[in-house]
């Protein structure tokens, strides 16, 4: 355990931040899972879920819960899945 008053306070602050970041990362994972599920079930109506996942990623990156490049990579992969699903849907309708 820390001895100095400042160190004790910093431990408390770190615990709060860790909990907050864990919640943000969890929300991001949930949003991505929902978006992927929506893409698999109905690509035509999945865009609102994809948009929500991208928003969650941007929010987490802006708060430094995840790295900005990590967010960019995950957004890119999600959009690739969405675009591929929509393209295959359009092909099958043509």
Protein backbone atom coordinates (compact mmCIF):
# COMPACT_ATOMS: atom_id res chain seq x y z
CA UNK A 1 0.00 0.00 0.00
CA UNK A 2 1.12 3.52 -0.74
CA UNK A 3 2.37 5.71 2.09
CA UNK A 4 2.03 9.21 0.67
CA UNK A 5 -1.30 10.99 0.62
CA UNK A 6 -0.98 11.82 -3.08
CA UNK A 7 -0.23 8.19 -3.92
CA UNK A 8 -3.27 6.98 -2.00
CA UNK A 9 -5.47 9.47 -3.84
CA UNK A 10 -3.99 8.45 -7.20
CA UNK A 11 -4.81 4.80 -6.49
CA UNK A 12 -8.44 5.77 -5.86
CA UNK A 13 -8.59 7.90 -9.02
CA UNK A 14 -7.04 5.08 -11.08
CA UNK A 15 -9.64 2.63 -9.78
CA UNK A 16 -12.48 4.95 -10.84
CA UNK A 17 -10.96 5.47 -14.28
CA UNK A 18 -10.34 1.76 -14.73
CA UNK A 19 -13.98 0.98 -13.92
CA UNK A 20 -15.23 3.73 -16.24
CA UNK A 21 -12.99 2.57 -19.10
CA UNK A 22 -14.03 -1.05 -18.57
CA UNK A 23 -17.69 -0.01 -18.91
CA UNK A 24 -16.94 1.97 -22.08
CA UNK A 25 -15.03 -0.93 -23.66
CA UNK A 26 -17.86 -3.30 -22.74
CA UNK A 27 -20.42 -0.97 -24.34
CA UNK A 28 -18.31 -0.89 -27.51
CA UNK A 29 -18.13 -4.69 -27.67
CA UNK A 30 -21.89 -4.98 -27.16
CA UNK A 31 -22.63 -2.43 -29.88
CA UNK A 32 -20.32 -4.20 -32.34
CA UNK A 33 -21.90 -7.59 -31.59
CA UNK A 34 -25.39 -6.17 -32.12
CA UNK A 35 -24.30 -4.57 -35.39
CA UNK A 36 -22.73 -7.79 -36.69
CA UNK A 37 -25.84 -9.74 -35.74
CA UNK A 38 -28.02 -7.18 -37.53
CA UNK A 39 -25.80 -7.42 -40.62
CA UNK A 40 -26.11 -11.20 -40.67
CA UNK A 41 -29.88 -11.20 -40.17
CA UNK A 42 -30.98 -8.26 -42.36
CA UNK A 43 -28.27 -6.25 -44.12
CA UNK A 44 -30.79 -3.84 -45.63
CA UNK A 45 -31.91 -2.56 -42.21
CA UNK A 46 -28.63 -2.94 -40.33
CA UNK A 47 -27.26 0.55 -40.90
CA UNK A 48 -28.66 2.14 -37.69
CA UNK A 49 -26.93 -0.56 -35.62
CA UNK A 50 -23.68 -0.08 -37.55
CA UNK A 51 -23.95 3.68 -37.03
CA UNK A 52 -24.47 3.17 -33.29
CA UNK A 53 -21.41 0.90 -33.09
CA UNK A 54 -19.28 3.45 -34.93
CA UNK A 55 -20.51 6.16 -32.58
CA UNK A 56 -19.63 4.02 -29.55
CA UNK A 57 -16.15 3.39 -30.97
CA UNK A 58 -15.59 7.09 -31.59
CA UNK A 59 -16.79 7.94 -28.08
CA UNK A 60 -14.48 5.37 -26.48
CA UNK A 61 -11.54 6.59 -28.56
CA UNK A 62 -12.19 10.23 -27.67
CA UNK A 63 -12.19 9.31 -23.96
CA UNK A 64 -8.99 7.24 -24.36
CA UNK A 65 -10.72 4.02 -23.29
CA UNK A 66 -9.32 2.50 -26.50
CA UNK A 67 -6.63 3.77 -28.84
CA UNK A 68 -7.78 5.86 -31.81
CA UNK A 69 -6.18 3.48 -34.31
CA UNK A 70 -7.85 0.53 -32.61
CA UNK A 71 -11.18 2.30 -33.09
CA UNK A 72 -10.37 3.10 -36.72
CA UNK A 73 -9.43 -0.52 -37.44
CA UNK A 74 -12.60 -1.86 -35.85
CA UNK A 75 -14.78 0.66 -37.70
CA UNK A 76 -13.11 -0.30 -40.95
CA UNK A 77 -13.69 -4.02 -40.39
CA UNK A 78 -17.31 -3.42 -39.43
CA UNK A 79 -17.95 -1.32 -42.53
CA UNK A 80 -16.30 -3.96 -44.71
CA UNK A 81 -18.70 -6.58 -43.35
CA UNK A 82 -21.65 -4.27 -43.85
CA UNK A 83 -20.68 -3.29 -47.41
CA UNK A 84 -20.03 -6.91 -48.36
CA UNK A 85 -23.42 -8.00 -47.02
CA UNK A 86 -25.25 -5.15 -48.80
CA UNK A 87 -23.41 -5.90 -52.06
CA UNK A 88 -24.34 -9.57 -51.92
CA UNK A 89 -27.95 -8.61 -51.13
CA UNK A 90 -28.06 -6.30 -54.15
CA UNK A 91 -26.53 -9.01 -56.36
CA UNK A 92 -29.15 -11.55 -55.34
CA UNK A 93 -31.97 -9.07 -56.02
CA UNK A 94 -30.71 -8.22 -59.52
